[in-house]
C-alpha atoms as a PDB file:
ATOM      1  CA  MET A   1      54.947  27.418 -21.414  1.00  0.00           C
ATOM      2  CA  VAL A   2      54.323  24.548 -18.434  1.00  0.00           C
ATOM      3  CA  LYS A   3      53.386  21.341 -19.927  1.00  0.00           C
ATOM      4  CA  MET A   4      50.499  19.338 -18.026  1.00  0.00           C
ATOM      5  CA  ARG A   5      51.595  15.831 -16.696  1.00  0.00           C
ATOM      6  CA  PRO A   6      49.788  12.975 -18.506  1.00  0.00           C
ATOM      7  CA  ALA A   7      47.913  11.889 -15.507  1.00  0.00           C
ATOM      8  CA  ILE A   8      46.713  15.344 -15.005  1.00  0.00           C
ATOM      9  CA  THR A   9      45.381  15.447 -18.258  1.00  0.00           C
ATOM     10  CA  LEU A  10      43.742  12.173 -18.151  1.00  0.00           C
ATOM     11  CA  PHE A  11      42.123  13.007 -15.072  1.00  0.00           C
ATOM     12  CA  ILE A  12      40.780  16.316 -16.569  1.00  0.00           C
ATOM     13  CA  THR A  13      39.539  14.278 -19.631  1.00  0.00           C
ATOM     14  CA  LEU A  14      37.928  11.505 -17.492  1.00  0.00           C
ATOM     15  CA  ALA A  15      35.965  14.332 -15.552  1.00  0.00           C
ATOM     16  CA  VAL A  16      34.793  15.992 -18.563  1.00  0.00           C
ATOM     17  CA  ILE A  17      33.386  12.817 -20.065  1.00  0.00           C
ATOM     18  CA  VAL A  18      31.799  12.122 -16.598  1.00  0.00           C
ATOM     19  CA  ALA A  19      30.174  15.319 -16.573  1.00  0.00           C
ATOM     20  CA  MET A  20      29.028  14.939 -20.290  1.00  0.00           C
ATOM     21  CA  LEU A  21      27.669  11.403 -19.386  1.00  0.00           C
ATOM     22  CA  ALA A  22      25.628  12.660 -16.286  1.00  0.00           C
ATOM     23  CA  LEU A  23      24.376  15.436 -18.530  1.00  0.00           C
ATOM     24  CA  VAL A  24      23.317  12.831 -21.189  1.00  0.00           C
ATOM     25  CA  GLY A  25      21.528  10.807 -18.617  1.00  0.00           C
ATOM     26  CA  ILE A  26      19.619  13.681 -17.222  1.00  0.00           C
ATOM     27  CA  ILE A  27      18.726  14.809 -20.514  1.00  0.00           C
ATOM     28  CA  PHE A  28      17.621  11.171 -21.408  1.00  0.00           C
ATOM     29  CA  SER A  29      15.596  11.137 -18.008  1.00  0.00           C
ATOM     30  CA  TYR A  30      13.795  14.023 -18.698  1.00  0.00           C
ATOM     31  CA  LEU A  31      12.853  13.134 -22.239  1.00  0.00           C
ATOM     32  CA  SER A  32      11.761   9.630 -20.910  1.00  0.00           C
ATOM     33  CA  GLU A  33       9.676  11.564 -18.041  1.00  0.00           C
ATOM     34  CA  ALA A  34       8.135  13.829 -20.899  1.00  0.00           C
ATOM     35  CA  ARG A  35       7.547  10.914 -23.217  1.00  0.00           C
ATOM     36  CA  ILE A  36       5.501   8.927 -20.142  1.00  0.00           C
ATOM     37  CA  LYS A  37       3.683  12.130 -19.282  1.00  0.00           C
ATOM     38  CA  ALA A  38       2.728  12.560 -22.808  1.00  0.00           C
ATOM     39  CA  GLU A  39       1.390   9.007 -22.817  1.00  0.00           C
ATOM     40  CA  ASP A  40      -0.323   9.426 -19.787  1.00  0.00           C
ATOM     41  CA  LYS A  41      -2.089  12.351 -21.143  1.00  0.00           C
ATOM     42  CA  SER A  42      -2.671  10.637 -24.521  1.00  0.00           C
ATOM     43  CA  ALA A  43      -4.114   7.704 -22.403  1.00  0.00           C
ATOM     44  CA  LEU A  44      -6.568  10.245 -20.437  1.00  0.00           C
ATOM     45  CA  ILE A  45      -7.765  11.438 -23.652  1.00  0.00           C
ATOM     46  CA  GLU A  46      -8.386   7.984 -24.940  1.00  0.00           C
ATOM     47  CA  SER A  47     -10.140   7.290 -21.334  1.00  0.00           C
ATOM     48  CA  ASN A  48     -12.544   9.887 -22.149  1.00  0.00           C
ATOM     49  CA  LEU A  49     -13.480   8.356 -25.745  1.00  0.00           C
ATOM     50  CA  ILE A  50     -13.841   4.986 -24.509  1.00  0.00           C
ATOM     51  CA  TYR A  51     -15.900   6.499 -21.420  1.00  0.00           C
ATOM     52  CA  ALA A  52     -18.164   8.090 -23.963  1.00  0.00           C
ATOM     53  CA  ASP A  53     -18.417   4.870 -25.825  1.00  0.00           C
ATOM     54  CA  VAL A  54     -18.921   2.240 -23.052  1.00  0.00           C
ATOM     55  CA  SER A  55     -21.114   4.222 -21.190  1.00  0.00           C
ATOM     56  CA  ASN A  56     -23.248   5.159 -24.110  1.00  0.00           C
ATOM     57  CA  ALA A  57     -23.418   1.251 -25.000  1.00  0.00           C
ATOM     58  CA  VAL A  58     -24.534   0.332 -21.429  1.00  0.00           C
ATOM     59  CA  ARG A  59     -27.113   3.231 -21.570  1.00  0.00           C
ATOM     60  CA  ARG A  60     -28.590   1.887 -24.818  1.00  0.00           C
ATOM     61  CA  PHE A  61     -28.552  -1.929 -23.888  1.00  0.00           C
ATOM     62  CA  VAL A  62     -29.813  -1.706 -20.124  1.00  0.00           C
ATOM     63  CA  GLY A  63     -31.829   1.380 -20.515  1.00  0.00           C
ATOM     64  CA  LYS A  64     -33.967   2.385 -17.373  1.00  0.00           C
ATOM     65  CA  LYS A  65     -36.379  -0.721 -17.083  1.00  0.00           C
ATOM     66  CA  PRO A  66     -34.349  -3.724 -18.259  1.00  0.00           C
ATOM     67  CA  SER A  67     -35.531  -7.345 -17.762  1.00  0.00           C
ATOM     68  CA  THR A  68     -33.780  -9.669 -15.249  1.00  0.00           C
ATOM     69  CA  GLY A  69     -32.360 -11.569 -18.286  1.00  0.00           C
ATOM     70  CA  THR A  70     -30.824  -8.277 -19.836  1.00  0.00           C
ATOM     71  CA  LEU A  71     -28.973  -7.498 -16.757  1.00  0.00           C
ATOM     72  CA  LYS A  72     -27.764 -11.400 -16.549  1.00  0.00           C
ATOM     73  CA  ASN A  73     -26.154 -10.883 -20.110  1.00  0.00           C
ATOM     74  CA  VAL A  74     -24.649  -7.498 -18.774  1.00  0.00           C
ATOM     75  CA  TYR A  75     -23.084  -8.787 -15.622  1.00  0.00           C
ATOM     76  CA  ASN A  76     -21.868 -12.245 -17.276  1.00  0.00           C
ATOM     77  CA  ILE A  77     -20.783 -11.154 -20.670  1.00  0.00           C
ATOM     78  CA  PRO A  78     -17.752  -8.617 -20.531  1.00  0.00           C
ATOM     79  CA  ILE A  79     -16.647  -6.769 -23.698  1.00  0.00           C
ATOM     80  CA  THR A  80     -13.490  -7.732 -25.148  1.00  0.00           C
ATOM     81  CA  ILE A  81     -11.713  -5.829 -28.168  1.00  0.00           C
ATOM     82  CA  GLN A  82      -8.475  -6.599 -29.569  1.00  0.00           C
ATOM     83  CA  GLU A  83      -7.033  -4.467 -32.415  1.00  0.00           C
ATOM     84  CA  GLU A  84      -5.781  -6.835 -35.287  1.00  0.00           C
ATOM     85  CA  LYS A  85      -2.717  -5.025 -36.197  1.00  0.00           C
ATOM     86  CA  GLY A  86      -1.764  -3.282 -33.126  1.00  0.00           C
ATOM     87  CA  PRO A  87      -1.336  -3.191 -29.577  1.00  0.00           C
ATOM     88  CA  PHE A  88      -4.535  -1.778 -28.450  1.00  0.00           C
ATOM     89  CA  SER A  89      -7.012  -3.926 -26.305  1.00  0.00           C
ATOM     90  CA  LEU A  90      -9.796  -3.413 -24.004  1.00  0.00           C
ATOM     91  CA  LEU A  91     -11.737  -5.307 -21.131  1.00  0.00           C
ATOM     92  CA  ALA A  92     -15.229  -3.729 -20.116  1.00  0.00           C
ATOM     93  CA  ALA A  93     -17.288  -5.616 -17.554  1.00  0.00           C
ATOM     94  CA  CYS A  94     -20.078  -4.473 -15.251  1.00  0.00           C
ATOM     95  CA  THR A  95     -21.171  -6.009 -11.560  1.00  0.00           C
ATOM     96  CA  PRO A  96     -24.358  -5.366  -9.475  1.00  0.00           C
ATOM     97  CA  ALA A  97     -23.933  -2.283  -7.292  1.00  0.00           C
ATOM     98  CA  ARG A  98     -26.294  -3.473  -4.985  1.00  0.00           C
ATOM     99  CA  ALA A  99     -26.319  -7.019  -4.333  1.00  0.00           C
ATOM    100  CA  ALA A 100     -24.835  -6.831  -0.577  1.00  0.00           C
ATOM    101  CA  VAL A 101     -26.065  -5.756   2.303  1.00  0.00           C
ATOM    102  CA  PRO A 102     -25.789  -2.218   2.443  1.00  0.00           C
ATOM    103  CA  ILE A 103     -22.893  -1.371   5.337  1.00  0.00           C
ATOM    104  CA  THR A 104     -25.286   1.907   6.290  1.00  0.00           C
ATOM    105  CA  TRP A 105     -27.711  -0.555   7.803  1.00  0.00           C
ATOM    106  CA  PHE A 106     -25.683  -0.976  10.953  1.00  0.00           C
ATOM    107  CA  LYS A 107     -26.813   2.553  11.860  1.00  0.00           C
ATOM    108  CA  THR A 108     -29.067   2.396  14.973  1.00  0.00           C
ATOM    109  CA  THR A 109     -30.600   5.966  14.844  1.00  0.00           C
ATOM    110  CA  GLY A 110     -33.202   5.657  11.996  1.00  0.00           C
ATOM    111  CA  GLY A 111     -36.127   4.498  14.154  1.00  0.00           C
ATOM    112  CA  ALA A 112     -38.693   1.594  13.634  1.00  0.00           C
ATOM    113  CA  LYS A 113     -38.509   1.902  10.079  1.00  0.00           C
ATOM    114  CA  THR A 114     -34.963   0.483   9.930  1.00  0.00           C
ATOM    115  CA  GLU A 115     -35.027  -1.992  12.522  1.00  0.00           C
ATOM    116  CA  SER A 116     -35.567  -4.962  10.080  1.00  0.00           C
ATOM    117  CA  ARG A 117     -32.697  -4.004   8.033  1.00  0.00           C
ATOM    118  CA  LEU A 118     -30.386  -3.619  11.195  1.00  0.00           C
ATOM    119  CA  SER A 119     -31.425  -7.038  12.229  1.00  0.00           C
ATOM    120  CA  LEU A 120     -30.355  -8.319   8.802  1.00  0.00           C
ATOM    121  CA  ALA A 121     -27.014  -6.595   8.650  1.00  0.00           C
ATOM    122  CA  GLU A 122     -26.432  -7.832  12.278  1.00  0.00           C
ATOM    123  CA  GLN A 123     -27.263 -11.444  11.299  1.00  0.00           C
ATOM    124  CA  VAL A 124     -24.847 -11.459   8.563  1.00  0.00           C
ATOM    125  CA  LEU A 125     -22.248 -10.058  10.422  1.00  0.00           C
ATOM    126  CA  GLU A 126     -22.725 -12.733  13.294  1.00  0.00           C
ATOM    127  CA  ASN A 127     -22.707 -15.367  10.730  1.00  0.00           C
ATOM    128  CA  ILE A 128     -19.288 -14.186   9.402  1.00  0.00           C
ATOM    129  CA  GLY A 129     -18.042 -13.886  13.156  1.00  0.00           C
ATOM    130  CA  LEU A 130     -18.775 -17.859  13.236  1.00  0.00           C
ATOM    131  CA  LYS A 131     -17.514 -18.715   9.743  1.00  0.00           C
ATOM    132  CA  TYR A 132     -14.195 -16.607  10.406  1.00  0.00           C
ATOM    133  CA  ARG A 133     -13.810 -17.286  13.794  1.00  0.00           C
ATOM    134  CA  LEU A 134     -13.794 -13.714  14.999  1.00  0.00           C
ATOM    135  CA  LYS A 135     -12.749 -13.311  18.472  1.00  0.00           C
ATOM    136  CA  ASN A 136     -15.462 -10.786  19.512  1.00  0.00           C
ATOM    137  CA  THR A 137     -18.167  -9.805  16.725  1.00  0.00           C
ATOM    138  CA  GLU A 138     -20.236  -7.947  19.392  1.00  0.00           C
ATOM    139  CA  LYS A 139     -16.999  -5.658  19.739  1.00  0.00           C
ATOM    140  CA  LEU A 140     -17.059  -4.956  15.831  1.00  0.00           C
ATOM    141  CA  LYS A 141     -20.768  -4.550  15.202  1.00  0.00           C
ATOM    142  CA  THR A 142     -20.464  -1.804  18.456  1.00  0.00           C
ATOM    143  CA  LEU A 143     -17.717   0.048  16.688  1.00  0.00           C
ATOM    144  CA  LEU A 144     -19.430  -0.073  13.213  1.00  0.00           C
ATOM    145  CA  SER A 145     -22.520   1.182  14.727  1.00  0.00           C
ATOM    146  CA  ASN A 146     -20.869   3.898  16.687  1.00  0.00           C
ATOM    147  CA  ALA A 147     -18.992   5.068  13.410  1.00  0.00           C
ATOM    148  CA  LEU A 148     -22.326   5.162  11.644  1.00  0.00           C
ATOM    149  CA  ASP A 149     -24.096   6.897  14.200  1.00  0.00           C
ATOM    150  CA  ASN A 150     -21.634   9.595  14.222  1.00  0.00           C
ATOM    151  CA  LYS A 151     -21.868  12.307  11.566  1.00  0.00           C
ATOM    152  CA  TYR A 152     -18.091  13.064  11.474  1.00  0.00           C
ATOM    153  CA  GLU A 153     -15.538  10.986   9.592  1.00  0.00           C
ATOM    154  CA  THR A 154     -12.165  11.342  10.752  1.00  0.00           C
ATOM    155  CA  GLU A 155     -11.581   9.447  14.140  1.00  0.00           C
ATOM    156  CA  PHE A 156     -15.233   9.040  14.314  1.00  0.00           C
ATOM    157  CA  GLY A 157     -15.211  11.699  16.997  1.00  0.00           C
ATOM    158  CA  LYS A 158     -16.985  14.716  17.682  1.00  0.00           C
ATOM    159  CA  GLU A 159     -13.497  16.699  17.504  1.00  0.00           C
ATOM    160  CA  SER A 160     -13.322  16.417  13.774  1.00  0.00           C
ATOM    161  CA  ARG A 161     -14.211  19.099  11.621  1.00  0.00           C
ATOM    162  CA  LEU A 162     -14.626  16.833   8.479  1.00  0.00           C
ATOM    163  CA  LYS A 163     -18.513  15.615   8.365  1.00  0.00           C
ATOM    164  CA  ARG A 164     -19.514  12.687   6.086  1.00  0.00           C
ATOM    165  CA  LYS A 165     -22.154  12.817   3.595  1.00  0.00           C
ATOM    166  CA  VAL A 166     -25.611  11.499   5.021  1.00  0.00           C
ATOM    167  CA  ASN A 167     -26.307   7.832   4.389  1.00  0.00           C
ATOM    168  CA  TYR A 168     -22.994   7.156   3.209  1.00  0.00           C
ATOM    169  CA  PHE A 169     -19.936   5.116   4.408  1.00  0.00           C
ATOM    170  CA  SER A 170     -16.812   4.219   2.099  1.00  0.00           C
ATOM    171  CA  TYR A 171     -14.890   1.100   2.242  1.00  0.00           C
ATOM    172  CA  THR A 172     -11.936   3.233   3.440  1.00  0.00           C
ATOM    173  CA  GLU A 173     -14.049   4.267   6.451  1.00  0.00           C
ATOM    174  CA  PHE A 174     -14.927   0.759   7.046  1.00  0.00           C
ATOM    175  CA  GLN A 175     -11.061  -0.204   7.030  1.00  0.00           C
ATOM    176  CA  LYS A 176     -10.639   2.399  10.048  1.00  0.00           C
ATOM    177  CA  VAL A 177     -13.358   0.338  11.806  1.00  0.00           C
ATOM    178  CA  LEU A 178     -11.431  -2.728  11.279  1.00  0.00           C
ATOM    179  CA  THR A 179      -8.140  -1.406  12.569  1.00  0.00           C
ATOM    180  CA  GLN A 180      -9.897  -0.201  15.670  1.00  0.00           C
ATOM    181  CA  TYR A 181     -11.106  -3.365  16.107  1.00  0.00           C
ATOM    182  CA  PHE A 182      -7.910  -5.283  15.496  1.00  0.00           C
ATOM    183  CA  LEU A 183      -6.017  -2.898  17.789  1.00  0.00           C
ATOM    184  CA  SER A 184      -8.711  -3.823  20.668  1.00  0.00           C
ATOM    185  CA  GLU A 185      -8.981  -7.374  20.077  1.00  0.00           C
ATOM    186  CA  ASN A 186      -5.730  -8.443  18.201  1.00  0.00           C
ATOM    187  CA  ASP A 187      -7.681 -10.672  15.702  1.00  0.00           C
ATOM    188  CA  LYS A 188      -6.054 -10.968  12.454  1.00  0.00           C
ATOM    189  CA  ASN A 189      -9.018 -12.983  11.076  1.00  0.00           C
ATOM    190  CA  VAL A 190     -10.799  -9.652  10.551  1.00  0.00           C
ATOM    191  CA  TYR A 191      -8.254  -9.013   7.694  1.00  0.00           C
ATOM    192  CA  LYS A 192      -8.916 -12.751   6.121  1.00  0.00           C
ATOM    193  CA  ILE A 193     -12.520 -12.011   5.131  1.00  0.00           C
ATOM    194  CA  ASN A 194     -13.552 -10.622   1.539  1.00  0.00           C
ATOM    195  CA  TRP A 195     -16.085  -8.187   3.100  1.00  0.00           C
ATOM    196  CA  LYS A 196     -17.406  -6.877  -0.239  1.00  0.00           C
ATOM    197  CA  ASN A 197     -18.823 -10.124  -0.605  1.00  0.00           C
ATOM    198  CA  TYR A 198     -21.244  -9.555   1.809  1.00  0.00           C
ATOM    199  CA  PHE A 199     -21.538  -5.625   2.267  1.00  0.00           C
ATOM    200  CA  ALA A 200     -21.867  -2.730   0.036  1.00  0.00           C
ATOM    201  CA  PHE A 201     -20.250   0.610   0.661  1.00  0.00           C
ATOM    202  CA  GLY A 202     -20.366   4.009  -0.264  1.00  0.00           C
ATOM    203  CA  GLU A 203     -24.063   5.658  -0.801  1.00  0.00           C
ATOM    204  CA  GLY A 204     -26.732   3.559   1.098  1.00  0.00           C
ATOM    205  CA  PHE A 205     -30.046   2.083  -0.422  1.00  0.00           C
ATOM    206  CA  LYS A 206     -33.346   0.747   0.600  1.00  0.00           C
ATOM    207  CA  SER A 207     -33.398  -2.597  -0.918  1.00  0.00           C
ATOM    208  CA  ILE A 208     -31.236  -5.498  -2.016  1.00  0.00           C
ATOM    209  CA  ASP A 209     -30.846  -6.690  -5.391  1.00  0.00           C
ATOM    210  CA  GLY A 210     -31.436 -10.351  -4.085  1.00  0.00           C
ATOM    211  CA  ASN A 211     -31.223 -12.068  -7.735  1.00  0.00           C
ATOM    212  CA  PHE A 212     -27.470 -10.892  -7.987  1.00  0.00           C
ATOM    213  CA  LEU A 213     -26.037 -11.875  -4.259  1.00  0.00           C
ATOM    214  CA  SER A 214     -22.989 -14.358  -3.545  1.00  0.00           C
ATOM    215  CA  SER A 215     -23.591 -17.746  -2.668  1.00  0.00           C
ATOM    216  CA  SER A 216     -22.202 -17.432   0.620  1.00  0.00           C
ATOM    217  CA  LEU A 217     -24.538 -14.356   1.358  1.00  0.00           C
ATOM    218  CA  VAL A 218     -27.568 -16.168   0.057  1.00  0.00           C
ATOM    219  CA  ALA A 219     -26.594 -19.170   2.581  1.00  0.00           C
ATOM    220  CA  MET A 220     -26.404 -16.841   5.296  1.00  0.00           C
ATOM    221  CA  ILE A 221     -29.276 -14.917   4.873  1.00  0.00           C
ATOM    222  CA  PHE A 222     -31.688 -17.831   4.184  1.00  0.00           C
ATOM    223  CA  GLY A 223     -30.084 -20.705   6.207  1.00  0.00           C
ATOM    224  CA  ILE A 224     -29.172 -23.036   3.208  1.00  0.00           C
ATOM    225  CA  ASP A 225     -25.881 -25.190   2.956  1.00  0.00           C
ATOM    226  CA  GLU A 226     -23.490 -23.108   1.271  1.00  0.00           C
ATOM    227  CA  ARG A 227     -22.534 -26.107  -0.986  1.00  0.00           C
ATOM    228  CA  ILE A 228     -26.177 -26.288  -2.074  1.00  0.00           C
ATOM    229  CA  VAL A 229     -26.174 -22.825  -2.967  1.00  0.00           C
ATOM    230  CA  GLU A 230     -23.005 -22.876  -5.038  1.00  0.00           C
ATOM    231  CA  GLU A 231     -24.513 -25.816  -6.929  1.00  0.00           C
ATOM    232  CA  GLU A 232     -27.819 -24.983  -7.472  1.00  0.00           C
ATOM    233  CA  PHE A 233     -28.301 -21.337  -7.375  1.00  0.00           C
ATOM    234  CA  LYS A 234     -28.416 -19.204 -10.801  1.00  0.00           C
ATOM    235  CA  SER A 235     -27.963 -15.677 -10.645  1.00  0.00           C
ATOM    236  CA  GLY A 236     -30.981 -13.819 -11.497  1.00  0.00           C
ATOM    237  CA  GLU A 237     -33.418 -16.303 -10.170  1.00  0.00           C
ATOM    238  CA  LEU A 238     -33.552 -16.190  -6.248  1.00  0.00           C
ATOM    239  CA  LYS A 239     -36.995 -16.396  -5.737  1.00  0.00           C
ATOM    240  CA  LYS A 240     -37.145 -19.663  -7.844  1.00  0.00           C
ATOM    241  CA  PHE A 241     -34.053 -21.093  -5.885  1.00  0.00           C
ATOM    242  CA  LEU A 242     -35.743 -20.309  -2.573  1.00  0.00           C
ATOM    243  CA  ILE A 243     -39.140 -22.082  -3.047  1.00  0.00           C
ATOM    244  CA  ASP A 244     -37.076 -24.974  -4.753  1.00  0.00           C
ATOM    245  CA  ASN A 245     -35.346 -25.455  -1.617  1.00  0.00           C
ATOM    246  CA  GLY A 246     -38.012 -24.833   0.891  1.00  0.00           C
ATOM    247  CA  ALA A 247     -36.589 -21.550   2.423  1.00  0.00           C
ATOM    248  CA  ASP A 248     -38.268 -18.965   4.664  1.00  0.00           C
ATOM    249  CA  MET A 249     -39.841 -16.592   2.503  1.00  0.00           C
ATOM    250  CA  GLU A 250     -40.720 -14.030   4.916  1.00  0.00           C
ATOM    251  CA  VAL A 251     -37.546 -11.978   4.644  1.00  0.00           C
ATOM    252  CA  TYR A 252     -37.456 -12.149   0.805  1.00  0.00           C
ATOM    253  CA  ASN A 253     -41.168 -11.115   0.629  1.00  0.00           C
ATOM    254  CA  SER A 254     -40.434  -8.180   2.794  1.00  0.00           C
ATOM    255  CA  ASP A 255     -39.430  -4.941   1.567  1.00  0.00           C
ATOM    256  CA  ILE A 256     -35.830  -5.584   2.149  1.00  0.00           C
ATOM    257  CA  PHE A 257     -35.440  -7.390  -1.035  1.00  0.00           C
ATOM    258  CA  ALA A 258     -36.480  -5.355  -4.600  1.00  0.00           C
ATOM    259  CA  LYS A 259     -39.283  -6.938  -6.366  1.00  0.00           C
ATOM    260  CA  THR A 260     -38.430  -5.602  -9.894  1.00  0.00           C
ATOM    261  CA  PRO A 261     -34.811  -5.677 -11.591  1.00  0.00           C
ATOM    262  CA  VAL A 262     -32.491  -3.032  -9.975  1.00  0.00           C
ATOM    263  CA  VAL A 263     -30.657  -0.813 -12.394  1.00  0.00           C
ATOM    264  CA  ALA A 264     -27.540  -0.225 -10.413  1.00  0.00           C
ATOM    265  CA  MET A 265     -24.049  -1.268 -11.571  1.00  0.00           C
ATOM    266  CA  THR A 266     -20.161  -0.284 -11.606  1.00  0.00           C
ATOM    267  CA  CYS A 267     -18.570  -0.610 -14.836  1.00  0.00           C
ATOM    268  CA  ARG A 268     -14.828  -0.951 -15.179  1.00  0.00           C
ATOM    269  CA  ALA A 269     -12.728  -0.749 -18.657  1.00  0.00           C
ATOM    270  CA  THR A 270      -9.236  -1.653 -18.585  1.00  0.00           C
ATOM    271  CA  TYR A 271      -7.176  -0.909 -21.680  1.00  0.00           C
ATOM    272  CA  SER A 272      -3.739  -0.894 -23.110  1.00  0.00           C
ATOM    273  CA  PHE A 273      -2.487   2.136 -24.501  1.00  0.00           C
ATOM    274  CA  GLY A 274       1.478   2.631 -25.806  1.00  0.00           C
ATOM    275  CA  LYS A 275       3.452   1.081 -23.327  1.00  0.00           C
ATOM    276  CA  GLY A 276       0.979   1.308 -20.501  1.00  0.00           C
ATOM    277  CA  SER A 277      -2.023  -0.156 -18.930  1.00  0.00           C
ATOM    278  CA  TYR A 278      -5.111   2.046 -17.922  1.00  0.00           C
ATOM    279  CA  SER A 279      -8.335   1.593 -16.606  1.00  0.00           C
ATOM    280  CA  LEU A 280     -11.644   3.562 -15.884  1.00  0.00           C
ATOM    281  CA  LYS A 281     -14.909   2.974 -14.117  1.00  0.00           C
ATOM    282  CA  PHE A 282     -17.915   4.585 -13.702  1.00  0.00           C
ATOM    283  CA  LYS A 283     -21.675   3.868 -12.090  1.00  0.00           C
ATOM    284  CA  TYR A 284     -24.731   3.448 -13.942  1.00  0.00           C
ATOM    285  CA  ILE A 285     -27.816   4.218 -11.548  1.00  0.00           C
ATOM    286  CA  ASP A 286     -31.376   4.237 -12.677  1.00  0.00           C
ATOM    287  CA  GLY A 287     -30.415   5.179 -16.195  1.00  0.00           C
ATOM    288  CA  LYS A 288     -27.909   8.080 -15.216  1.00  0.00           C
ATOM    289  CA  VAL A 289     -23.801   7.558 -15.875  1.00  0.00           C
ATOM    290  CA  GLU A 290     -21.987   9.056 -12.733  1.00  0.00           C
ATOM    291  CA  GLY A 291     -18.938   8.599 -10.515  1.00  0.00           C
ATOM    292  CA  PHE A 292     -16.178   8.588 -13.579  1.00  0.00           C
ATOM    293  CA  GLU A 293     -12.874   7.572 -12.319  1.00  0.00           C
ATOM    294  CA  PHE A 294      -9.235   7.324 -14.248  1.00  0.00           C
ATOM    295  CA  ASN A 295      -6.574   5.323 -13.341  1.00  0.00           C
ATOM    296  CA  GLN A 296      -3.030   4.627 -14.563  1.00  0.00           C
END
C-alpha cells in the first residue's frame, strides 16, 4: 500500500473543502434569490390589494363631479399609514394630470381650431428659452412640431414601422427630441429644465386645469412676475388671482382653460413590504381608474 505524502493529503482535503464551500455558496445564493423572488411576488399581490383600496378610496372621495375644494384636499393631503407593531408603511398621493400645456399642442396639422393652442404652446416654449438661455429655441420648436406631425414613433421618420397612437406623445419620445436638439446645437441647458413643470405628456387633451398650474407656468402664460405668483397664488383660485393682479383675462376666458373642476389625476402609492420598498401608480380620469403600473 502506497502512503500519500502529507502535503498531497492536505491539498486534496483543501480542494474538497473549497468545492464544498463553493457549493454551499451557490445553494445560499439560490435560496436568497428564491427568497427575494418570493417577496417580490408577495409584494405584487399586496400591490393589487393596495391598488384596490386606494383607487376605491379615490373613487368614493372624488366622484365624477367634485368641487375645486375637494380636489385641493386630494392634491395637498397625502395619505400616510404606519403599522404600530410592524414594518409596513404606506404613502399615497395624487397630483393633477392636466395642469400644464399638453405637448401635443405643438402639432401644426390640426387646422384653425388648434391655432390658439399652438400659439400658447409656442409662447411658453419661447419664455422657457429666454429663462434658461437656450441657444436656438426655434430649432427645438421645429424638431418638436416635426415629431408630432409625423405619425411614426421610432426616429420620427417614414421608414419606421411603429406607429404612434393618435394624439399621444410620451415623455420618452420627447426626450428623443431633446437629444436631437442637443446633437444639433450642443446646448446642455436643454437638460437643465424640469419640462414637466410646463408641459403634460402622454394623452393629449383640449383644456388645461388652470387652478393647479405651477407658479412658473402661471407667470409665463399671464405675464406676471414669478415672485408675486409664488407668494400670492393659491391652488384652486386662478381666476381670483388673475383678477386681483390685473392680468389680461382674454386667454383665460378662451376655451383653452377649463371652467369647471377637471377630474384627471395621477395617483401613486409607495409602501414597504418585507425588506423591500415598492410603488404603484394609476390614473383617475373622469370617474374611471386606468393605467395601473407596479414598480419594484
